[in-house]
Amino acid sequence: MIKFTTVANTDGKITQFTVDGHSGYAESGSDIVCASVSSAVWLTINGIEKQNLAKLSYEERDGFVKCIISDKSEGADIMLDSLVMFIAELSGQYKEFLKFTQM
């Protein structure tokens, strides 16, 4: 199961997110849950980074990404909110394979 967790500040704005695990939905290369989560996460990280919308630091290894976001613009918040909406919807459709937690 993939565990996707966000941490927000007192204003409800995301300051970090963590993705941990593999979904187990299908074999590697055919796993649509893993591919969807991975694509959304890297689209968000790369978009924020390439557009200089925030300062990012992230750690990555097999089945794990932790991203810490600081000095954000409104554009970064929009991208992060979009990521959260997508993951929330996906976790509703694939409950056995993706757990979404907001802190």
C-alpha atoms as a PDB file:
ATOM      1  CA  MET A   1       0.000   0.000   0.000  1.00  0.00           C
ATOM      2  CA  ILE A   2       1.135   3.541  -0.765  1.00  0.00           C
ATOM      3  CA  LYS A   3       0.853   5.911   2.180  1.00  0.00           C
ATOM      4  CA  PHE A   4       0.574   9.554   1.117  1.00  0.00           C
ATOM      5  CA  THR A   5       0.766  12.046   3.991  1.00  0.00           C
ATOM      6  CA  THR A   6       0.662  15.823   3.948  1.00  0.00           C
ATOM      7  CA  VAL A   7       1.616  18.219   6.727  1.00  0.00           C
ATOM      8  CA  ALA A   8       0.084  21.694   6.763  1.00  0.00           C
ATOM      9  CA  ASN A   9       0.746  24.868   8.724  1.00  0.00           C
ATOM     10  CA  THR A  10      -1.864  26.615  10.886  1.00  0.00           C
ATOM     11  CA  ASP A  11      -3.282  28.312   7.768  1.00  0.00           C
ATOM     12  CA  GLY A  12      -3.917  24.903   6.208  1.00  0.00           C
ATOM     13  CA  LYS A  13      -1.165  25.342   3.614  1.00  0.00           C
ATOM     14  CA  ILE A  14       0.949  22.304   2.834  1.00  0.00           C
ATOM     15  CA  THR A  15       4.526  22.488   4.099  1.00  0.00           C
ATOM     16  CA  GLN A  16       5.558  18.931   3.297  1.00  0.00           C
ATOM     17  CA  PHE A  17       4.358  15.636   1.912  1.00  0.00           C
ATOM     18  CA  THR A  18       5.599  12.083   2.087  1.00  0.00           C
ATOM     19  CA  VAL A  19       4.890   9.144  -0.204  1.00  0.00           C
ATOM     20  CA  ASP A  20       5.898   5.746   1.138  1.00  0.00           C
ATOM     21  CA  GLY A  21       5.451   2.237  -0.199  1.00  0.00           C
ATOM     22  CA  HIS A  22       4.228   0.426  -3.277  1.00  0.00           C
ATOM     23  CA  SER A  23       0.560  -0.052  -4.070  1.00  0.00           C
ATOM     24  CA  GLY A  24       0.647  -3.745  -4.951  1.00  0.00           C
ATOM     25  CA  TYR A  25      -2.160  -3.161  -7.458  1.00  0.00           C
ATOM     26  CA  ALA A  26      -0.254  -4.878 -10.277  1.00  0.00           C
ATOM     27  CA  GLU A  27       3.211  -5.950 -11.401  1.00  0.00           C
ATOM     28  CA  SER A  28       5.842  -3.243 -11.722  1.00  0.00           C
ATOM     29  CA  GLY A  29       5.380  -1.559 -15.096  1.00  0.00           C
ATOM     30  CA  SER A  30       1.642  -2.272 -15.128  1.00  0.00           C
ATOM     31  CA  ASP A  31       0.642  -0.694 -11.820  1.00  0.00           C
ATOM     32  CA  ILE A  32      -1.692   2.193 -12.667  1.00  0.00           C
ATOM     33  CA  VAL A  33      -2.001   3.313  -9.040  1.00  0.00           C
ATOM     34  CA  CYS A  34       1.754   3.622  -8.596  1.00  0.00           C
ATOM     35  CA  ALA A  35       2.137   5.311 -11.981  1.00  0.00           C
ATOM     36  CA  SER A  36      -0.628   7.799 -11.194  1.00  0.00           C
ATOM     37  CA  VAL A  37       0.795   8.757  -7.810  1.00  0.00           C
ATOM     38  CA  SER A  38       4.345   8.965  -9.127  1.00  0.00           C
ATOM     39  CA  SER A  39       3.329  11.100 -12.103  1.00  0.00           C
ATOM     40  CA  ALA A  40       1.333  13.515  -9.954  1.00  0.00           C
ATOM     41  CA  VAL A  41       4.102  13.841  -7.370  1.00  0.00           C
ATOM     42  CA  TRP A  42       6.867  14.494  -9.895  1.00  0.00           C
ATOM     43  CA  LEU A  43       4.702  16.837 -11.963  1.00  0.00           C
ATOM     44  CA  THR A  44       4.160  18.883  -8.800  1.00  0.00           C
ATOM     45  CA  ILE A  45       7.790  18.842  -7.636  1.00  0.00           C
ATOM     46  CA  ASN A  46       9.201  19.608 -11.082  1.00  0.00           C
ATOM     47  CA  GLY A  47       6.602  22.286 -11.801  1.00  0.00           C
ATOM     48  CA  ILE A  48       7.253  24.112  -8.543  1.00  0.00           C
ATOM     49  CA  GLU A  49      11.000  23.778  -8.920  1.00  0.00           C
ATOM     50  CA  LYS A  50      11.278  24.763 -12.597  1.00  0.00           C
ATOM     51  CA  GLN A  51       8.973  27.759 -12.174  1.00  0.00           C
ATOM     52  CA  ASN A  52      10.760  28.896  -8.978  1.00  0.00           C
ATOM     53  CA  LEU A  53       7.467  28.908  -7.072  1.00  0.00           C
ATOM     54  CA  ALA A  54       9.024  27.782  -3.769  1.00  0.00           C
ATOM     55  CA  LYS A  55      12.137  26.430  -2.150  1.00  0.00           C
ATOM     56  CA  LEU A  56      12.075  22.654  -2.145  1.00  0.00           C
ATOM     57  CA  SER A  57      14.168  20.001  -0.538  1.00  0.00           C
ATOM     58  CA  TYR A  58      13.359  16.400  -1.186  1.00  0.00           C
ATOM     59  CA  GLU A  59      14.624  12.942  -0.497  1.00  0.00           C
ATOM     60  CA  GLU A  60      13.948  10.089  -2.870  1.00  0.00           C
ATOM     61  CA  ARG A  61      14.600   6.368  -2.899  1.00  0.00           C
ATOM     62  CA  ASP A  62      12.724   3.304  -4.099  1.00  0.00           C
ATOM     63  CA  GLY A  63       9.119   3.629  -2.996  1.00  0.00           C
ATOM     64  CA  PHE A  64       9.737   6.788  -0.986  1.00  0.00           C
ATOM     65  CA  VAL A  65       9.640  10.556  -1.533  1.00  0.00           C
ATOM     66  CA  LYS A  66       9.657  13.242   1.141  1.00  0.00           C
ATOM     67  CA  CYS A  67       9.320  16.851   0.015  1.00  0.00           C
ATOM     68  CA  ILE A  68       9.621  19.907   2.251  1.00  0.00           C
ATOM     69  CA  ILE A  69       8.349  23.200   0.863  1.00  0.00           C
ATOM     70  CA  SER A  70       9.192  26.715   2.107  1.00  0.00           C
ATOM     71  CA  ASP A  71       9.048  30.302   0.870  1.00  0.00           C
ATOM     72  CA  LYS A  72       6.030  29.464  -1.276  1.00  0.00           C
ATOM     73  CA  SER A  73       4.179  31.583  -3.770  1.00  0.00           C
ATOM     74  CA  GLU A  74       0.461  31.342  -4.441  1.00  0.00           C
ATOM     75  CA  GLY A  75       1.304  29.298  -7.532  1.00  0.00           C
ATOM     76  CA  ALA A  76       3.023  26.656  -5.405  1.00  0.00           C
ATOM     77  CA  ASP A  77      -0.014  26.458  -3.128  1.00  0.00           C
ATOM     78  CA  ILE A  78      -2.273  25.981  -6.144  1.00  0.00           C
ATOM     79  CA  MET A  79      -0.100  23.138  -7.438  1.00  0.00           C
ATOM     80  CA  LEU A  80       0.042  21.489  -4.003  1.00  0.00           C
ATOM     81  CA  ASP A  81      -3.724  21.825  -3.550  1.00  0.00           C
ATOM     82  CA  SER A  82      -4.209  20.214  -6.963  1.00  0.00           C
ATOM     83  CA  LEU A  83      -1.926  17.343  -5.962  1.00  0.00           C
ATOM     84  CA  VAL A  84      -3.953  16.820  -2.778  1.00  0.00           C
ATOM     85  CA  MET A  85      -7.276  16.849  -4.647  1.00  0.00           C
ATOM     86  CA  PHE A  86      -5.953  14.298  -7.117  1.00  0.00           C
ATOM     87  CA  ILE A  87      -4.538  11.991  -4.433  1.00  0.00           C
ATOM     88  CA  ALA A  88      -7.741  12.262  -2.369  1.00  0.00           C
ATOM     89  CA  GLU A  89      -9.840  11.267  -5.375  1.00  0.00           C
ATOM     90  CA  LEU A  90      -7.494   8.438  -6.317  1.00  0.00           C
ATOM     91  CA  SER A  91      -7.414   7.093  -2.759  1.00  0.00           C
ATOM     92  CA  GLY A  92     -11.210   7.022  -2.777  1.00  0.00           C
ATOM     93  CA  GLN A  93     -11.168   4.858  -5.891  1.00  0.00           C
ATOM     94  CA  TYR A  94      -8.322   2.575  -4.782  1.00  0.00           C
ATOM     95  CA  LYS A  95      -8.757   2.364  -0.994  1.00  0.00           C
ATOM     96  CA  GLU A  96      -6.975  -0.972  -0.701  1.00  0.00           C
ATOM     97  CA  PHE A  97      -3.876   0.359  -2.457  1.00  0.00           C
ATOM     98  CA  LEU A  98      -3.525   4.022  -1.443  1.00  0.00           C
ATOM     99  CA  LYS A  99      -4.002   5.608   1.986  1.00  0.00           C
ATOM    100  CA  PHE A 100      -4.184   9.397   2.167  1.00  0.00           C
ATOM    101  CA  THR A 101      -3.648  11.254   5.453  1.00  0.00           C
ATOM    102  CA  GLN A 102      -3.622  14.991   6.102  1.00  0.00           C
ATOM    103  CA  MET A 103      -1.951  16.332   9.250  1.00  0.00           C
END
